[in-house]
Amino acid sequence: MAYQCYAYADPVFGPAMRIISSITNSAFALVTTSFAHGYPNGTVVRFDIPPALGMIQLDQMTSPVVVTGPTTFKINIDTTNFAPFVIPVGLSSKINVCGLCVPIGSKNDTLAPAEINLL
């Protein structure tokens, strides 16, 4: 069943919230998003993990990201002993059960100039 979670693929303001597809149980967890996240290295994200998805230990934790691909990044959080992240099956499609990563800041050493002026 498809769940009713939604995130804009090309938001006006960025970086933007992304829906999490998977999180590994490892010393430096690998997070996969449902589509390209667009985060630069050093973006600090907060995790919103509903109990139905497991890995509730990660809920409300923050970490800077190290980008490994267009839909993946690593975080400096050891999730080895956390409950596994799972997307449940068999729930009503009207239930919004989605793990989210929400950008809350940046940990960059330098500022990059704007490339496009949208105003």
PDB file of N, CA and C in Angstrom:
ATOM      1  N   MET A   1       0.836  -1.193   0.000  1.00  0.00           N
ATOM      2  CA  MET A   1       0.000   0.000   0.000  1.00  0.00           C
ATOM      3  C   MET A   1       0.873   1.246   0.000  1.00  0.00           C
ATOM      4  N   ALA A   2       0.459   2.234  -0.695  1.00  0.00           N
ATOM      5  CA  ALA A   2       1.173   3.503  -0.714  1.00  0.00           C
ATOM      6  C   ALA A   2       0.648   4.390   0.411  1.00  0.00           C
ATOM      7  N   TYR A   3       1.562   5.005   1.109  1.00  0.00           N
ATOM      8  CA  TYR A   3       1.174   5.907   2.183  1.00  0.00           C
ATOM      9  C   TYR A   3       1.012   7.314   1.633  1.00  0.00           C
ATOM     10  N   GLN A   4       0.377   8.174   2.377  1.00  0.00           N
ATOM     11  CA  GLN A   4       0.011   9.506   1.920  1.00  0.00           C
ATOM     12  C   GLN A   4       1.057  10.576   2.237  1.00  0.00           C
ATOM     13  N   CYS A   5       2.293  10.194   2.423  1.00  0.00           N
ATOM     14  CA  CYS A   5       3.334  11.169   2.739  1.00  0.00           C
ATOM     15  C   CYS A   5       3.711  11.935   1.473  1.00  0.00           C
ATOM     16  N   TYR A   6       4.068  13.212   1.659  1.00  0.00           N
ATOM     17  CA  TYR A   6       4.387  14.017   0.495  1.00  0.00           C
ATOM     18  C   TYR A   6       5.477  15.025   0.838  1.00  0.00           C
ATOM     19  N   ALA A   7       6.399  15.196  -0.074  1.00  0.00           N
ATOM     20  CA  ALA A   7       7.426  16.231   0.026  1.00  0.00           C
ATOM     21  C   ALA A   7       7.630  16.798  -1.367  1.00  0.00           C
ATOM     22  N   TYR A   8       7.815  18.100  -1.469  1.00  0.00           N
ATOM     23  CA  TYR A   8       8.049  18.738  -2.767  1.00  0.00           C
ATOM     24  C   TYR A   8       9.429  18.356  -3.286  1.00  0.00           C
ATOM     25  N   ALA A   9       9.498  17.842  -4.500  1.00  0.00           N
ATOM     26  CA  ALA A   9      10.774  17.459  -5.096  1.00  0.00           C
ATOM     27  C   ALA A   9      11.617  18.684  -5.427  1.00  0.00           C
ATOM     28  N   ASP A  10      10.979  19.790  -5.759  1.00  0.00           N
ATOM     29  CA  ASP A  10      11.688  21.012  -6.136  1.00  0.00           C
ATOM     30  C   ASP A  10      11.077  22.196  -5.391  1.00  0.00           C
ATOM     31  N   PRO A  11      11.360  22.319  -4.088  1.00  0.00           N
ATOM     32  CA  PRO A  11      10.731  23.380  -3.298  1.00  0.00           C
ATOM     33  C   PRO A  11      11.285  24.759  -3.637  1.00  0.00           C
ATOM     34  N   VAL A  12      10.531  25.777  -3.301  1.00  0.00           N
ATOM     35  CA  VAL A  12      10.974  27.159  -3.513  1.00  0.00           C
ATOM     36  C   VAL A  12      12.169  27.463  -2.617  1.00  0.00           C
ATOM     37  N   PHE A  13      12.089  27.050  -1.358  1.00  0.00           N
ATOM     38  CA  PHE A  13      13.175  27.278  -0.411  1.00  0.00           C
ATOM     39  C   PHE A  13      13.852  25.951  -0.108  1.00  0.00           C
ATOM     40  N   GLY A  14      15.137  25.978   0.067  1.00  0.00           N
ATOM     41  CA  GLY A  14      15.847  24.746   0.347  1.00  0.00           C
ATOM     42  C   GLY A  14      17.030  25.013   1.246  1.00  0.00           C
ATOM     43  N   PRO A  15      17.620  24.013   1.783  1.00  0.00           N
ATOM     44  CA  PRO A  15      17.250  22.621   1.613  1.00  0.00           C
ATOM     45  C   PRO A  15      15.915  22.313   2.302  1.00  0.00           C
ATOM     46  N   ALA A  16      15.263  21.276   1.856  1.00  0.00           N
ATOM     47  CA  ALA A  16      13.913  20.981   2.316  1.00  0.00           C
ATOM     48  C   ALA A  16      13.828  19.630   3.020  1.00  0.00           C
ATOM     49  N   MET A  17      12.717  19.436   3.710  1.00  0.00           N
ATOM     50  CA  MET A  17      12.416  18.174   4.378  1.00  0.00           C
ATOM     51  C   MET A  17      12.344  17.061   3.343  1.00  0.00           C
ATOM     52  N   ARG A  18      12.809  15.877   3.734  1.00  0.00           N
ATOM     53  CA  ARG A  18      12.753  14.721   2.846  1.00  0.00           C
ATOM     54  C   ARG A  18      12.189  13.518   3.595  1.00  0.00           C
ATOM     55  N   ILE A  19      11.510  12.643   2.857  1.00  0.00           N
ATOM     56  CA  ILE A  19      10.959  11.411   3.407  1.00  0.00           C
ATOM     57  C   ILE A  19      12.054  10.352   3.386  1.00  0.00           C
ATOM     58  N   ILE A  20      12.201   9.620   4.478  1.00  0.00           N
ATOM     59  CA  ILE A  20      13.242   8.603   4.607  1.00  0.00           C
ATOM     60  C   ILE A  20      12.722   7.261   4.091  1.00  0.00           C
ATOM     61  N   SER A  21      13.518   6.623   3.230  1.00  0.00           N
ATOM     62  CA  SER A  21      13.197   5.294   2.714  1.00  0.00           C
ATOM     63  C   SER A  21      13.854   4.200   3.536  1.00  0.00           C
ATOM     64  N   SER A  22      15.083   4.471   4.022  1.00  0.00           N
ATOM     65  CA  SER A  22      15.774   3.483   4.846  1.00  0.00           C
ATOM     66  C   SER A  22      16.881   4.142   5.653  1.00  0.00           C
ATOM     67  N   ILE A  23      17.236   3.465   6.748  1.00  0.00           N
ATOM     68  CA  ILE A  23      18.356   3.867   7.595  1.00  0.00           C
ATOM     69  C   ILE A  23      19.052   2.580   8.017  1.00  0.00           C
ATOM     70  N   THR A  24      20.362   2.537   7.852  1.00  0.00           N
ATOM     71  CA  THR A  24      21.101   1.334   8.227  1.00  0.00           C
ATOM     72  C   THR A  24      21.418   1.329   9.718  1.00  0.00           C
ATOM     73  N   ASN A  25      21.631   0.138  10.247  1.00  0.00           N
ATOM     74  CA  ASN A  25      22.138  -0.021  11.609  1.00  0.00           C
ATOM     75  C   ASN A  25      23.649  -0.166  11.491  1.00  0.00           C
ATOM     76  N   SER A  26      24.363   0.944  11.704  1.00  0.00           N
ATOM     77  CA  SER A  26      25.818   0.927  11.568  1.00  0.00           C
ATOM     78  C   SER A  26      26.430   2.070  12.373  1.00  0.00           C
ATOM     79  N   ALA A  27      27.758   2.047  12.489  1.00  0.00           N
ATOM     80  CA  ALA A  27      28.464   3.058  13.280  1.00  0.00           C
ATOM     81  C   ALA A  27      28.225   4.462  12.725  1.00  0.00           C
ATOM     82  N   PHE A  28      28.229   4.616  11.424  1.00  0.00           N
ATOM     83  CA  PHE A  28      27.868   5.866  10.762  1.00  0.00           C
ATOM     84  C   PHE A  28      26.688   5.519   9.861  1.00  0.00           C
ATOM     85  N   ALA A  29      25.488   5.761  10.352  1.00  0.00           N
ATOM     86  CA  ALA A  29      24.280   5.305   9.653  1.00  0.00           C
ATOM     87  C   ALA A  29      24.174   5.916   8.263  1.00  0.00           C
ATOM     88  N   LEU A  30      23.752   5.111   7.312  1.00  0.00           N
ATOM     89  CA  LEU A  30      23.484   5.563   5.947  1.00  0.00           C
ATOM     90  C   LEU A  30      21.976   5.760   5.817  1.00  0.00           C
ATOM     91  N   VAL A  31      21.591   6.984   5.455  1.00  0.00           N
ATOM     92  CA  VAL A  31      20.177   7.338   5.304  1.00  0.00           C
ATOM     93  C   VAL A  31      19.872   7.457   3.817  1.00  0.00           C
ATOM     94  N   THR A  32      18.775   6.842   3.391  1.00  0.00           N
ATOM     95  CA  THR A  32      18.322   6.936   2.002  1.00  0.00           C
ATOM     96  C   THR A  32      16.992   7.666   1.986  1.00  0.00           C
ATOM     97  N   THR A  33      16.878   8.665   1.108  1.00  0.00           N
ATOM     98  CA  THR A  33      15.635   9.431   0.985  1.00  0.00           C
ATOM     99  C   THR A  33      14.859   8.948  -0.237  1.00  0.00           C
ATOM    100  N   SER A  34      13.572   9.280  -0.275  1.00  0.00           N
ATOM    101  CA  SER A  34      12.699   8.780  -1.339  1.00  0.00           C
ATOM    102  C   SER A  34      13.010   9.391  -2.707  1.00  0.00           C
ATOM    103  N   PHE A  35      13.642  10.549  -2.733  1.00  0.00           N
ATOM    104  CA  PHE A  35      14.136  11.151  -3.973  1.00  0.00           C
ATOM    105  C   PHE A  35      15.276  12.084  -3.605  1.00  0.00           C
ATOM    106  N   ALA A  36      15.932  12.692  -4.589  1.00  0.00           N
ATOM    107  CA  ALA A  36      17.130  13.501  -4.352  1.00  0.00           C
ATOM    108  C   ALA A  36      16.910  14.520  -3.246  1.00  0.00           C
ATOM    109  N   HIS A  37      17.838  14.530  -2.288  1.00  0.00           N
ATOM    110  CA  HIS A  37      17.693  15.422  -1.135  1.00  0.00           C
ATOM    111  C   HIS A  37      18.242  16.822  -1.401  1.00  0.00           C
ATOM    112  N   GLY A  38      19.278  16.953  -2.195  1.00  0.00           N
ATOM    113  CA  GLY A  38      19.851  18.262  -2.498  1.00  0.00           C
ATOM    114  C   GLY A  38      20.620  18.890  -1.351  1.00  0.00           C
ATOM    115  N   TYR A  39      20.961  18.111  -0.322  1.00  0.00           N
ATOM    116  CA  TYR A  39      21.691  18.655   0.821  1.00  0.00           C
ATOM    117  C   TYR A  39      23.175  18.776   0.496  1.00  0.00           C
ATOM    118  N   PRO A  40      23.798  19.914   0.812  1.00  0.00           N
ATOM    119  CA  PRO A  40      25.254  19.979   0.720  1.00  0.00           C
ATOM    120  C   PRO A  40      25.871  19.340   1.969  1.00  0.00           C
ATOM    121  N   ASN A  41      27.124  18.933   1.870  1.00  0.00           N
ATOM    122  CA  ASN A  41      27.825  18.420   3.052  1.00  0.00           C
ATOM    123  C   ASN A  41      27.735  19.435   4.181  1.00  0.00           C
ATOM    124  N   GLY A  42      27.520  18.949   5.389  1.00  0.00           N
ATOM    125  CA  GLY A  42      27.459  19.829   6.553  1.00  0.00           C
ATOM    126  C   GLY A  42      26.064  20.286   6.921  1.00  0.00           C
ATOM    127  N   THR A  43      25.067  19.998   6.096  1.00  0.00           N
ATOM    128  CA  THR A  43      23.691  20.337   6.462  1.00  0.00           C
ATOM    129  C   THR A  43      23.338  19.574   7.730  1.00  0.00           C
ATOM    130  N   VAL A  44      22.813  20.260   8.720  1.00  0.00           N
ATOM    131  CA  VAL A  44      22.407  19.605   9.970  1.00  0.00           C
ATOM    132  C   VAL A  44      20.930  19.263   9.854  1.00  0.00           C
ATOM    133  N   VAL A  45      20.609  17.981  10.063  1.00  0.00           N
ATOM    134  CA  VAL A  45      19.218  17.529   9.953  1.00  0.00           C
ATOM    135  C   VAL A  45      18.737  16.989  11.297  1.00  0.00           C
ATOM    136  N   ARG A  46      17.428  17.109  11.508  1.00  0.00           N
ATOM    137  CA  ARG A  46      16.759  16.505  12.667  1.00  0.00           C
ATOM    138  C   ARG A  46      15.887  15.380  12.133  1.00  0.00           C
ATOM    139  N   PHE A  47      15.808  14.293  12.864  1.00  0.00           N
ATOM    140  CA  PHE A  47      15.023  13.145  12.441  1.00  0.00           C
ATOM    141  C   PHE A  47      13.703  13.091  13.194  1.00  0.00           C
ATOM    142  N   ASP A  48      12.627  12.908  12.451  1.00  0.00           N
ATOM    143  CA  ASP A  48      11.290  12.697  13.014  1.00  0.00           C
ATOM    144  C   ASP A  48      10.892  11.272  12.637  1.00  0.00           C
ATOM    145  N   ILE A  49      10.959  10.379  13.615  1.00  0.00           N
ATOM    146  CA  ILE A  49      10.710   8.958  13.365  1.00  0.00           C
ATOM    147  C   ILE A  49       9.501   8.508  14.186  1.00  0.00           C
ATOM    148  N   PRO A  50       8.360   8.230  13.558  1.00  0.00           N
ATOM    149  CA  PRO A  50       7.199   7.729  14.296  1.00  0.00           C
ATOM    150  C   PRO A  50       7.478   6.325  14.845  1.00  0.00           C
ATOM    151  N   PRO A  51       6.889   5.966  15.981  1.00  0.00           N
ATOM    152  CA  PRO A  51       7.129   4.652  16.584  1.00  0.00           C
ATOM    153  C   PRO A  51       6.842   3.473  15.647  1.00  0.00           C
ATOM    154  N   ALA A  52       5.904   3.610  14.734  1.00  0.00           N
ATOM    155  CA  ALA A  52       5.562   2.501  13.831  1.00  0.00           C
ATOM    156  C   ALA A  52       6.713   2.105  12.913  1.00  0.00           C
ATOM    157  N   LEU A  53       7.711   2.980  12.756  1.00  0.00           N
ATOM    158  CA  LEU A  53       8.827   2.703  11.856  1.00  0.00           C
ATOM    159  C   LEU A  53      10.025   2.091  12.558  1.00  0.00           C
ATOM    160  N   GLY A  54       9.932   1.879  13.869  1.00  0.00           N
ATOM    161  CA  GLY A  54      11.089   1.386  14.605  1.00  0.00           C
ATOM    162  C   GLY A  54      12.111   2.497  14.760  1.00  0.00           C
ATOM    163  N   MET A  55      13.319   2.159  15.138  1.00  0.00           N
ATOM    164  CA  MET A  55      14.426   3.097  15.329  1.00  0.00           C
ATOM    165  C   MET A  55      13.987   4.385  16.040  1.00  0.00           C
ATOM    166  N   ILE A  56      13.127   4.235  17.040  1.00  0.00           N
ATOM    167  CA  ILE A  56      12.640   5.414  17.771  1.00  0.00           C
ATOM    168  C   ILE A  56      13.750   6.102  18.544  1.00  0.00           C
ATOM    169  N   GLN A  57      14.876   5.412  18.762  1.00  0.00           N
ATOM    170  CA  GLN A  57      16.006   6.030  19.451  1.00  0.00           C
ATOM    171  C   GLN A  57      16.553   7.222  18.667  1.00  0.00           C
ATOM    172  N   LEU A  58      16.363   7.216  17.356  1.00  0.00           N
ATOM    173  CA  LEU A  58      16.863   8.297  16.500  1.00  0.00           C
ATOM    174  C   LEU A  58      15.923   9.499  16.474  1.00  0.00           C
ATOM    175  N   ASP A  59      14.688   9.330  16.939  1.00  0.00           N
ATOM    176  CA  ASP A  59      13.702  10.412  16.889  1.00  0.00           C
ATOM    177  C   ASP A  59      14.203  11.656  17.618  1.00  0.00           C
ATOM    178  N   GLN A  60      14.151  12.792  16.945  1.00  0.00           N
ATOM    179  CA  GLN A  60      14.535  14.114  17.438  1.00  0.00           C
ATOM    180  C   GLN A  60      16.042  14.304  17.607  1.00  0.00           C
ATOM    181  N   MET A  61      16.859  13.345  17.176  1.00  0.00           N
ATOM    182  CA  MET A  61      18.314  13.525  17.198  1.00  0.00           C
ATOM    183  C   MET A  61      18.728  14.362  15.997  1.00  0.00           C
ATOM    184  N   THR A  62      19.876  15.011  16.103  1.00  0.00           N
ATOM    185  CA  THR A  62      20.388  15.842  15.008  1.00  0.00           C
ATOM    186  C   THR A  62      21.808  15.406  14.656  1.00  0.00           C
ATOM    187  N   SER A  63      22.179  15.675  13.404  1.00  0.00           N
ATOM    188  CA  SER A  63      23.529  15.368  12.951  1.00  0.00           C
ATOM    189  C   SER A  63      23.815  16.109  11.655  1.00  0.00           C
ATOM    190  N   PRO A  64      25.076  16.547  11.461  1.00  0.00           N
ATOM    191  CA  PRO A  64      25.462  17.020  10.135  1.00  0.00           C
ATOM    192  C   PRO A  64      25.556  15.823   9.186  1.00  0.00           C
ATOM    193  N   VAL A  65      25.343  16.065   7.908  1.00  0.00           N
ATOM    194  CA  VAL A  65      25.364  14.987   6.922  1.00  0.00           C
ATOM    195  C   VAL A  65      26.651  15.011   6.107  1.00  0.00           C
ATOM    196  N   VAL A  66      27.051  13.828   5.656  1.00  0.00           N
ATOM    197  CA  VAL A  66      28.124  13.678   4.673  1.00  0.00           C
ATOM    198  C   VAL A  66      27.459  13.018   3.467  1.00  0.00           C
ATOM    199  N   VAL A  67      27.339  13.776   2.402  1.00  0.00           N
ATOM    200  CA  VAL A  67      26.617  13.311   1.216  1.00  0.00           C
ATOM    201  C   VAL A  67      27.406  12.206   0.514  1.00  0.00           C
ATOM    202  N   THR A  68      26.730  11.089   0.233  1.00  0.00           N
ATOM    203  CA  THR A  68      27.356   9.965  -0.471  1.00  0.00           C
ATOM    204  C   THR A  68      26.715   9.720  -1.835  1.00  0.00           C
ATOM    205  N   GLY A  69      25.591  10.352  -2.105  1.00  0.00           N
ATOM    206  CA  GLY A  69      24.906  10.196  -3.384  1.00  0.00           C
ATOM    207  C   GLY A  69      23.699  11.112  -3.433  1.00  0.00           C
ATOM    208  N   PRO A  70      23.008  11.171  -4.559  1.00  0.00           N
ATOM    209  CA  PRO A  70      21.869  12.085  -4.690  1.00  0.00           C
ATOM    210  C   PRO A  70      20.721  11.777  -3.728  1.00  0.00           C
ATOM    211  N   THR A  71      20.577  10.514  -3.320  1.00  0.00           N
ATOM    212  CA  THR A  71      19.505  10.154  -2.384  1.00  0.00           C
ATOM    213  C   THR A  71      20.041   9.574  -1.082  1.00  0.00           C
ATOM    214  N   THR A  72      21.357   9.630  -0.871  1.00  0.00           N
ATOM    215  CA  THR A  72      21.938   9.042   0.340  1.00  0.00           C
ATOM    216  C   THR A  72      22.902   9.995   1.025  1.00  0.00           C
ATOM    217  N   PHE A  73      23.002   9.826   2.339  1.00  0.00           N
ATOM    218  CA  PHE A  73      23.999  10.541   3.125  1.00  0.00           C
ATOM    219  C   PHE A  73      24.279   9.761   4.397  1.00  0.00           C
ATOM    220  N   LYS A  74      25.464   9.994   4.959  1.00  0.00           N
ATOM    221  CA  LYS A  74      25.831   9.368   6.234  1.00  0.00           C
ATOM    222  C   LYS A  74      25.687  10.391   7.343  1.00  0.00           C
ATOM    223  N   ILE A  75      25.394   9.884   8.543  1.00  0.00           N
ATOM    224  CA  ILE A  75      25.289  10.739   9.721  1.00  0.00           C
ATOM    225  C   ILE A  75      26.236  10.216  10.792  1.00  0.00           C
ATOM    226  N   ASN A  76      26.687  11.104  11.648  1.00  0.00           N
ATOM    227  CA  ASN A  76      27.624  10.748  12.702  1.00  0.00           C
ATOM    228  C   ASN A  76      26.872  10.284  13.948  1.00  0.00           C
ATOM    229  N   ILE A  77      26.013   9.288  13.758  1.00  0.00           N
ATOM    230  CA  ILE A  77      25.255   8.686  14.856  1.00  0.00           C
ATOM    231  C   ILE A  77      25.395   7.175  14.725  1.00  0.00           C
ATOM    232  N   ASP A  78      25.790   6.529  15.805  1.00  0.00           N
ATOM    233  CA  ASP A  78      25.937   5.082  15.819  1.00  0.00           C
ATOM    234  C   ASP A  78      24.573   4.447  16.079  1.00  0.00           C
ATOM    235  N   THR A  79      24.001   3.837  15.064  1.00  0.00           N
ATOM    236  CA  THR A  79      22.678   3.213  15.192  1.00  0.00           C
ATOM    237  C   THR A  79      22.786   1.689  15.322  1.00  0.00           C
ATOM    238  N   THR A  80      23.987   1.197  15.569  1.00  0.00           N
ATOM    239  CA  THR A  80      24.220  -0.246  15.630  1.00  0.00           C
ATOM    240  C   THR A  80      23.244  -0.953  16.564  1.00  0.00           C
ATOM    241  N   ASN A  81      23.011  -0.392  17.742  1.00  0.00           N
ATOM    242  CA  ASN A  81      22.149  -1.042  18.734  1.00  0.00           C
ATOM    243  C   ASN A  81      20.734  -0.470  18.766  1.00  0.00           C
ATOM    244  N   PHE A  82      20.383   0.343  17.781  1.00  0.00           N
ATOM    245  CA  PHE A  82      19.022   0.873  17.691  1.00  0.00           C
ATOM    246  C   PHE A  82      18.100  -0.197  17.092  1.00  0.00           C
ATOM    247  N   ALA A  83      16.818  -0.063  17.351  1.00  0.00           N
ATOM    248  CA  ALA A  83      15.843  -0.928  16.676  1.00  0.00           C
ATOM    249  C   ALA A  83      15.957  -0.689  15.171  1.00  0.00           C
ATOM    250  N   PRO A  84      15.714  -1.695  14.344  1.00  0.00           N
ATOM    251  CA  PRO A  84      15.804  -1.481  12.890  1.00  0.00           C
ATOM    252  C   PRO A  84      14.725  -0.530  12.385  1.00  0.00           C
ATOM    253  N   PHE A  85      15.073   0.225  11.347  1.00  0.00           N
ATOM    254  CA  PHE A  85      14.109   1.098  10.676  1.00  0.00           C
ATOM    255  C   PHE A  85      13.349   0.235   9.678  1.00  0.00           C
ATOM    256  N   VAL A  86      12.023   0.184   9.808  1.00  0.00           N
ATOM    257  CA  VAL A  86      11.199  -0.626   8.906  1.00  0.00           C
ATOM    258  C   VAL A  86       9.985   0.178   8.460  1.00  0.00           C
ATOM    259  N   ILE A  87       9.593  -0.015   7.234  1.00  0.00           N
ATOM    260  CA  ILE A  87       8.364   0.598   6.744  1.00  0.00           C
ATOM    261  C   ILE A  87       7.277  -0.469   6.845  1.00  0.00           C
ATOM    262  N   PRO A  88       6.266  -0.247   7.676  1.00  0.00           N
ATOM    263  CA  PRO A  88       5.263  -1.290   7.909  1.00  0.00           C
ATOM    264  C   PRO A  88       4.397  -1.554   6.683  1.00  0.00           C
ATOM    265  N   VAL A  89       3.901  -2.775   6.608  1.00  0.00           N
ATOM    266  CA  VAL A  89       2.967  -3.141   5.548  1.00  0.00           C
ATOM    267  C   VAL A  89       1.635  -3.497   6.195  1.00  0.00           C
ATOM    268  N   GLY A  90       0.579  -3.340   5.448  1.00  0.00           N
ATOM    269  CA  GLY A  90      -0.729  -3.737   5.928  1.00  0.00           C
ATOM    270  C   GLY A  90      -1.499  -2.663   6.683  1.00  0.00           C
ATOM    271  N   LEU A  91      -0.921  -1.460   6.803  1.00  0.00           N
ATOM    272  CA  LEU A  91      -1.666  -0.374   7.430  1.00  0.00           C
ATOM    273  C   LEU A  91      -2.581   0.271   6.404  1.00  0.00           C
ATOM    274  N   SER A  92      -3.589   0.959   6.871  1.00  0.00           N
ATOM    275  CA  SER A  92      -4.479   1.686   5.978  1.00  0.00           C
ATOM    276  C   SER A  92      -3.687   2.731   5.212  1.00  0.00           C
ATOM    277  N   SER A  93      -3.998   2.904   3.940  1.00  0.00           N
ATOM    278  CA  SER A  93      -3.296   3.908   3.131  1.00  0.00           C
ATOM    279  C   SER A  93      -3.636   5.323   3.575  1.00  0.00           C
ATOM    280  N   LYS A  94      -4.598   5.464   4.453  1.00  0.00           N
ATOM    281  CA  LYS A  94      -4.970   6.790   4.936  1.00  0.00           C
ATOM    282  C   LYS A  94      -4.152   7.208   6.162  1.00  0.00           C
ATOM    283  N   ILE A  95      -3.294   6.320   6.647  1.00  0.00           N
ATOM    284  CA  ILE A  95      -2.460   6.636   7.801  1.00  0.00           C
ATOM    285  C   ILE A  95      -1.135   7.197   7.298  1.00  0.00           C
ATOM    286  N   ASN A  96      -0.774   8.359   7.774  1.00  0.00           N
ATOM    287  CA  ASN A  96       0.483   8.980   7.383  1.00  0.00           C
ATOM    288  C   ASN A  96       1.581   8.556   8.355  1.00  0.00           C
ATOM    289  N   VAL A  97       2.333   7.543   7.986  1.00  0.00           N
ATOM    290  CA  VAL A  97       3.423   7.035   8.805  1.00  0.00           C
ATOM    291  C   VAL A  97       4.697   7.196   7.989  1.00  0.00           C
ATOM    292  N   CYS A  98       5.390   8.293   8.197  1.00  0.00           N
ATOM    293  CA  CYS A  98       6.588   8.565   7.411  1.00  0.00           C
ATOM    294  C   CYS A  98       7.703   9.085   8.302  1.00  0.00           C
ATOM    295  N   GLY A  99       8.900   8.564   8.068  1.00  0.00           N
ATOM    296  CA  GLY A  99      10.079   9.107   8.725  1.00  0.00           C
ATOM    297  C   GLY A  99      10.572  10.292   7.921  1.00  0.00           C
ATOM    298  N   LEU A 100      10.950  11.339   8.620  1.00  0.00           N
ATOM    299  CA  LEU A 100      11.385  12.565   7.943  1.00  0.00           C
ATOM    300  C   LEU A 100      12.759  12.999   8.430  1.00  0.00           C
ATOM    301  N   CYS A 101      13.540  13.586   7.522  1.00  0.00           N
ATOM    302  CA  CYS A 101      14.741  14.308   7.920  1.00  0.00           C
ATOM    303  C   CYS A 101      14.480  15.775   7.567  1.00  0.00           C
ATOM    304  N   VAL A 102      14.678  16.624   8.561  1.00  0.00           N
ATOM    305  CA  VAL A 102      14.334  18.039   8.440  1.00  0.00           C
ATOM    306  C   VAL A 102      15.596  18.875   8.631  1.00  0.00           C
ATOM    307  N   PRO A 103      16.033  19.625   7.610  1.00  0.00           N
ATOM    308  CA  PRO A 103      17.214  20.475   7.766  1.00  0.00           C
ATOM    309  C   PRO A 103      16.951  21.565   8.797  1.00  0.00           C
ATOM    310  N   ILE A 104      17.895  21.739   9.721  1.00  0.00           N
ATOM    311  CA  ILE A 104      17.729  22.771  10.748  1.00  0.00           C
ATOM    312  C   ILE A 104      18.896  23.748  10.796  1.00  0.00           C
ATOM    313  N   GLY A 105      19.932  23.504  10.009  1.00  0.00           N
ATOM    314  CA  GLY A 105      21.078  24.404  10.024  1.00  0.00           C
ATOM    315  C   GLY A 105      22.181  23.881   9.128  1.00  0.00           C
ATOM    316  N   SER A 106      23.348  24.467   9.290  1.00  0.00           N
ATOM    317  CA  SER A 106      24.481  24.108   8.460  1.00  0.00           C
ATOM    318  C   SER A 106      25.748  24.153   9.283  1.00  0.00           C
ATOM    319  N   LYS A 107      26.662  23.267   8.972  1.00  0.00           N
ATOM    320  CA  LYS A 107      27.955  23.240   9.645  1.00  0.00           C
ATOM    321  C   LYS A 107      29.039  23.349   8.582  1.00  0.00           C
ATOM    322  N   ASN A 108      29.009  24.440   7.841  1.00  0.00           N
ATOM    323  CA  ASN A 108      29.979  24.670   6.776  1.00  0.00           C
ATOM    324  C   ASN A 108      31.013  25.681   7.242  1.00  0.00           C
ATOM    325  N   ASP A 109      32.243  25.508   6.777  1.00  0.00           N
ATOM    326  CA  ASP A 109      33.315  26.419   7.155  1.00  0.00           C
ATOM    327  C   ASP A 109      33.292  27.710   6.351  1.00  0.00           C
ATOM    328  N   THR A 110      32.734  27.665   5.163  1.00  0.00           N
ATOM    329  CA  THR A 110      32.698  28.847   4.312  1.00  0.00           C
ATOM    330  C   THR A 110      31.296  29.037   3.753  1.00  0.00           C
ATOM    331  N   LEU A 111      30.993  30.261   3.413  1.00  0.00           N
ATOM    332  CA  LEU A 111      29.722  30.555   2.767  1.00  0.00           C
ATOM    333  C   LEU A 111      29.918  30.510   1.259  1.00  0.00           C
ATOM    334  N   ALA A 112      28.981  29.920   0.575  1.00  0.00           N
ATOM    335  CA  ALA A 112      29.033  29.884  -0.884  1.00  0.00           C
ATOM    336  C   ALA A 112      28.175  31.020  -1.427  1.00  0.00           C
ATOM    337  N   PRO A 113      28.629  31.692  -2.484  1.00  0.00           N
ATOM    338  CA  PRO A 113      27.820  32.768  -3.048  1.00  0.00           C
ATOM    339  C   PRO A 113      26.554  32.204  -3.701  1.00  0.00           C
ATOM    340  N   ALA A 114      25.515  33.018  -3.725  1.00  0.00           N
ATOM    341  CA  ALA A 114      24.272  32.608  -4.382  1.00  0.00           C
ATOM    342  C   ALA A 114      24.541  32.429  -5.867  1.00  0.00           C
ATOM    343  N   GLU A 115      24.004  31.364  -6.443  1.00  0.00           N
ATOM    344  CA  GLU A 115      24.180  31.120  -7.865  1.00  0.00           C
ATOM    345  C   GLU A 115      23.017  31.647  -8.680  1.00  0.00           C
ATOM    346  N   ILE A 116      21.832  31.669  -8.061  1.00  0.00           N
ATOM    347  CA  ILE A 116      20.639  32.131  -8.777  1.00  0.00           C
ATOM    348  C   ILE A 116      19.870  33.070  -7.856  1.00  0.00           C
ATOM    349  N   ASN A 117      19.549  34.245  -8.366  1.00  0.00           N
ATOM    350  CA  ASN A 117      18.722  35.162  -7.594  1.00  0.00           C
ATOM    351  C   ASN A 117      17.271  34.940  -8.009  1.00  0.00           C
ATOM    352  N   LEU A 118      16.452  34.448  -7.068  1.00  0.00           N
ATOM    353  CA  LEU A 118      15.078  34.138  -7.392  1.00  0.00           C
ATOM    354  C   LEU A 118      14.116  35.320  -7.232  1.00  0.00           C
ATOM    355  N   LEU A 119      14.614  36.415  -6.684  1.00  0.00           N
ATOM    356  CA  LEU A 119      13.720  37.556  -6.463  1.00  0.00           C
ATOM    357  C   LEU A 119      13.682  38.489  -7.631  1.00  0.00           C
TER     358      LEU A 119
END
